[in-house]
Each structure stands twice: as C-alpha cells, then as structure tokens.
Amino acid sequence: MRPVLAIVVIVVALGSVRAYISFVDSVTGREFTPIQEIQAAGRFHVDLTISFDAHADVFTPESVLLELHGGRILLQMEESVAAGTVLTIDPVEGIVEGANEFYLKVSTAEAEAEEDGAFSLSGDDPPSELTSEGDLEGADKSRAVRIRVFRDDQLIAEETIWSEPGEPVDGTVTVHLPAGSSSTEDHDHEHAEKGPS
C-alpha cells in the first residue's frame, strides 16, 4: 500500500508543477521563439592595414586574429606581418542584418623582447645583444590597425583601433546593417575602440 501511495503523491506533485507552469505561461503570454538571424545581402570583404611589425610571442600564439560575432574566425595568422601590410579577407561569410561585431587582436611581441633583454639564460650573452634599442623604445609607443568593411566593393565602415603603449592592439568594431538594406543605401556603424585586454 505504501508504494502505491508514494507513486500517487509523486504524480500529483509533478502534475501540480506542470499545471502551475502552464498557468504562468498563459497569464504572461510568453512565447519562446528562437532568434533568427537574417543573412545580409551582398558580398562582403574586410581589409586590415597594420602600422607596425606584428609578431606572435609565447603568450599570444597568433600575430593577427580577427573574429566575427565573438567566435567565427575570419583570419588567424602565426607568421610575422610587416608594417604597412594590407590583409584582405574576401569573401566574409556570416554577416547579418543588424549588429555585426568584429573582434581584432594584433600582437607586437614587445613583452617578450623586453623580457629577453632584461634576463639572459646564458651568461655568455649580454643583454645588449638580445634586445636592440629600437625594441625598448617601441614599448613606449601606441600602435594602430585600420579595419575597413566593404559591401559589393563599396566602403560601409572604417575604423582605427589603437593600443595602449607596449600592449597589443585589441578591440572591436561594430557595423550595423539595417534590415532590408542594400549596398546603395547609407549604412550606420559604431565602435568600441578599446576592448578588454
């Protein structure tokens, strides 16, 4: 008899919870619909212009990293990139109507150069041979990367992201594409120049 009573109590309790949830949903009128992203019309490409020599280091394996929507990798490089180089990503997939956030990080590798100059693992190598004066002076300079976004070869957004002195260039650019917009219409964009380090 006791097992049957326990089963009845459990069924009543679960039924009460389900009835309460249904009641709350009907009163508040909540409907759970997944957010659907609409792909923006047109062909997109992105240009990055780097104003300094970009190098990976032991802390940052990529010299250049560009992501879309916080996870879709558009460009990931480990090779060094010379100052003045223009990197082009064409085409760029995944751009949607509404907000499109590009995250950019470009490493200067200056932290590693300073460490090498200050500490020598070998007594035979003086610090002056490990680090040039240019490397130490570079630690006091801000760096910049210009990002330009094109739609059907027409410029729709352009922004320059600056670093703190001695830090990598690290920031985001947000491009807004209105619903139903085309490449011939005006486009608004906003940015956050400095992202979290």
Protein backbone atom coordinates (compact mmCIF):
# COMPACT_ATOMS: atom_id res chain seq x y z
CA MET A 1 0.00 0.00 0.00
CA ARG A 2 2.81 2.41 0.84
CA PRO A 3 4.48 2.15 -2.60
CA VAL A 4 1.16 2.93 -4.31
CA LEU A 5 0.67 5.96 -2.03
CA ALA A 6 4.19 7.21 -2.80
CA ILE A 7 3.56 6.94 -6.56
CA VAL A 8 0.27 8.83 -6.23
CA VAL A 9 1.98 11.63 -4.25
CA ILE A 10 4.75 11.95 -6.89
CA VAL A 11 2.25 12.06 -9.77
CA VAL A 12 0.16 14.71 -8.01
CA ALA A 13 3.26 16.82 -7.25
CA LEU A 14 4.55 16.68 -10.84
CA GLY A 15 1.08 17.40 -12.20
CA SER A 16 0.76 20.44 -9.93
CA VAL A 17 4.12 21.83 -11.10
CA ARG A 18 3.17 21.34 -14.75
CA ALA A 19 -0.22 22.98 -14.22
CA TYR A 20 1.45 25.95 -12.49
CA ILE A 21 3.95 26.44 -15.35
CA SER A 22 1.14 26.30 -17.92
CA PHE A 23 -0.86 28.83 -15.90
CA VAL A 24 2.07 31.27 -15.64
CA ASP A 25 2.79 30.99 -19.37
CA SER A 26 -0.84 31.69 -20.24
CA VAL A 27 -1.05 34.72 -17.91
CA THR A 28 2.19 36.35 -19.09
CA GLY A 29 1.64 35.40 -22.73
CA ARG A 30 5.28 34.41 -23.11
CA GLU A 31 6.25 32.66 -26.26
CA PHE A 32 9.69 31.21 -26.67
CA THR A 33 10.79 31.71 -30.24
CA PRO A 34 14.39 31.29 -31.28
CA ILE A 35 16.16 34.41 -32.56
CA GLN A 36 16.63 34.05 -36.29
CA GLU A 37 19.49 35.92 -37.90
CA ILE A 38 18.90 37.10 -41.44
CA GLN A 39 21.92 37.00 -43.71
CA ALA A 40 22.68 40.42 -45.17
CA ALA A 41 22.53 40.70 -48.94
CA GLY A 42 25.69 41.39 -50.90
CA ARG A 43 29.32 40.25 -50.99
CA PHE A 44 31.46 41.47 -48.10
CA HIS A 45 35.19 41.75 -47.63
CA VAL A 46 37.44 43.24 -44.94
CA ASP A 47 40.82 45.00 -45.23
CA LEU A 48 43.24 45.29 -42.30
CA THR A 49 46.12 47.78 -42.53
CA ILE A 50 48.78 47.20 -39.89
CA SER A 51 51.01 50.17 -39.00
CA PHE A 52 53.72 48.16 -37.18
CA ASP A 53 55.55 44.85 -37.37
CA ALA A 54 53.21 42.23 -35.91
CA HIS A 55 54.77 39.19 -34.24
CA ALA A 56 53.42 36.29 -32.22
CA ASP A 57 55.03 35.54 -28.85
CA VAL A 58 54.93 32.91 -26.12
CA PHE A 59 51.81 34.48 -24.60
CA THR A 60 49.94 35.13 -27.87
CA PRO A 61 50.43 32.39 -30.48
CA GLU A 62 48.71 34.47 -33.19
CA SER A 63 50.26 37.56 -34.69
CA VAL A 64 46.84 38.55 -36.13
CA LEU A 65 43.40 37.35 -35.06
CA LEU A 66 40.08 38.61 -36.50
CA GLU A 67 36.76 37.15 -35.38
CA LEU A 68 33.13 37.86 -36.25
CA HIS A 69 30.35 37.64 -33.64
CA GLY A 70 32.77 36.54 -30.89
CA GLY A 71 33.78 33.17 -32.28
CA ARG A 72 33.71 32.87 -36.06
CA ILE A 73 37.39 33.11 -37.04
CA LEU A 74 37.89 35.16 -40.20
CA LEU A 75 41.69 35.39 -40.03
CA GLN A 76 44.26 33.70 -37.79
CA MET A 77 47.96 34.09 -38.56
CA GLU A 78 51.06 32.95 -36.70
CA GLU A 79 53.55 34.38 -39.20
CA SER A 80 55.06 37.82 -38.72
CA VAL A 81 53.45 40.65 -40.68
CA ALA A 82 55.49 43.67 -41.82
CA ALA A 83 54.35 47.23 -41.13
CA GLY A 84 52.22 48.71 -43.89
CA THR A 85 50.85 45.34 -45.00
CA VAL A 86 47.19 45.24 -46.06
CA LEU A 87 45.50 41.92 -45.26
CA THR A 88 42.28 41.19 -47.18
CA ILE A 89 39.63 38.66 -46.17
CA ASP A 90 37.40 38.06 -49.19
CA PRO A 91 34.67 36.97 -49.06
CA VAL A 92 33.47 37.33 -45.46
CA GLU A 93 30.65 34.92 -44.64
CA GLY A 94 28.23 35.27 -41.74
CA ILE A 95 27.39 38.99 -41.87
CA VAL A 96 23.77 39.52 -40.83
CA GLU A 97 21.20 42.29 -40.78
CA GLY A 98 21.57 44.22 -37.54
CA ALA A 99 24.75 44.37 -35.45
CA ASN A 100 27.93 42.68 -36.65
CA GLU A 101 30.82 42.75 -34.20
CA PHE A 102 34.38 42.29 -35.42
CA TYR A 103 36.99 41.49 -32.74
CA LEU A 104 40.62 42.21 -33.64
CA LYS A 105 43.85 41.41 -31.81
CA VAL A 106 47.29 42.07 -33.29
CA SER A 107 50.37 41.24 -31.20
CA THR A 108 53.52 43.37 -31.05
CA ALA A 109 55.58 40.76 -29.16
CA GLU A 110 57.21 43.62 -27.23
CA ALA A 111 56.66 42.00 -23.84
CA GLU A 112 58.80 39.02 -24.86
CA ALA A 113 61.53 41.28 -26.30
CA GLU A 114 61.73 43.24 -23.03
CA GLU A 115 61.98 40.03 -21.00
CA ASP A 116 64.76 38.71 -23.22
CA GLY A 117 66.66 41.97 -22.81
CA ALA A 118 66.32 42.02 -19.03
CA PHE A 119 67.05 38.35 -18.32
CA SER A 120 69.67 36.22 -20.01
CA LEU A 121 69.58 32.45 -19.54
CA SER A 122 73.14 32.21 -20.77
CA GLY A 123 75.96 34.07 -19.05
CA ASP A 124 77.70 34.37 -22.42
CA ASP A 125 75.04 36.65 -23.97
CA PRO A 126 74.98 40.23 -22.72
CA PRO A 127 71.54 41.91 -22.74
CA SER A 128 72.67 44.40 -25.40
CA GLU A 129 72.92 41.57 -27.94
CA LEU A 130 69.46 40.21 -27.12
CA THR A 131 67.46 43.41 -27.41
CA SER A 132 68.08 46.41 -29.61
CA GLU A 133 67.39 49.98 -28.52
CA GLY A 134 64.56 50.09 -31.05
CA ASP A 135 62.74 47.26 -29.26
CA LEU A 136 62.92 49.07 -25.92
CA GLU A 137 61.83 52.39 -27.42
CA GLY A 138 58.91 50.65 -29.15
CA ALA A 139 57.50 49.60 -25.78
CA ASP A 140 56.54 53.25 -25.12
CA LYS A 141 54.58 53.69 -28.37
CA SER A 142 50.92 53.14 -29.19
CA ARG A 143 50.16 51.02 -32.24
CA ALA A 144 47.24 51.19 -34.68
CA VAL A 145 45.38 48.93 -37.08
CA ARG A 146 42.82 50.24 -39.57
CA ILE A 147 39.87 47.99 -40.37
CA ARG A 148 37.66 48.65 -43.39
CA VAL A 149 34.49 46.71 -44.26
CA PHE A 150 33.21 46.63 -47.84
CA ARG A 151 29.88 45.55 -49.29
CA ASP A 152 29.89 44.88 -53.02
CA ASP A 153 33.23 46.76 -53.17
CA GLN A 154 31.67 49.85 -51.56
CA LEU A 155 33.14 51.03 -48.24
CA ILE A 156 30.50 50.81 -45.48
CA ALA A 157 32.65 51.09 -42.33
CA GLU A 158 36.16 52.28 -41.48
CA GLU A 159 37.73 52.48 -38.04
CA THR A 160 41.20 52.63 -36.50
CA ILE A 161 41.87 50.66 -33.31
CA TRP A 162 44.70 51.94 -31.11
CA SER A 163 46.68 50.10 -28.44
CA GLU A 164 47.92 51.24 -25.08
CA PRO A 165 51.72 51.82 -25.11
CA GLY A 166 53.50 48.46 -25.18
CA GLU A 167 50.25 46.49 -25.43
CA PRO A 168 48.78 44.59 -28.39
CA VAL A 169 46.10 46.21 -30.50
CA ASP A 170 42.92 44.73 -29.02
CA GLY A 171 39.41 46.00 -29.71
CA THR A 172 36.10 45.69 -31.51
CA VAL A 173 34.30 47.39 -34.36
CA THR A 174 30.52 47.05 -34.65
CA VAL A 175 28.88 47.50 -38.04
CA HIS A 176 25.09 47.93 -38.17
CA LEU A 177 23.25 46.85 -41.30
CA PRO A 178 19.57 47.89 -41.27
CA ALA A 179 17.01 45.24 -42.21
CA GLY A 180 16.36 45.16 -45.93
CA SER A 181 19.30 47.45 -46.68
CA SER A 182 21.28 47.23 -49.89
CA SER A 183 24.73 48.35 -50.94
CA THR A 184 23.35 51.57 -52.42
CA GLU A 185 21.86 52.78 -49.13
CA ASP A 186 23.66 54.62 -46.35
CA HIS A 187 24.97 52.45 -43.51
CA ASP A 188 25.45 53.40 -39.88
CA HIS A 189 28.18 51.95 -37.71
CA GLU A 190 29.52 52.43 -34.24
CA HIS A 191 32.59 51.10 -32.47
CA ALA A 192 34.27 50.42 -29.18
CA GLU A 193 37.87 51.36 -29.85
CA LYS A 194 39.39 49.56 -26.92
CA GLY A 195 38.25 46.11 -25.85
CA PRO A 196 39.30 44.09 -22.79
CA SER A 197 42.97 43.21 -22.73
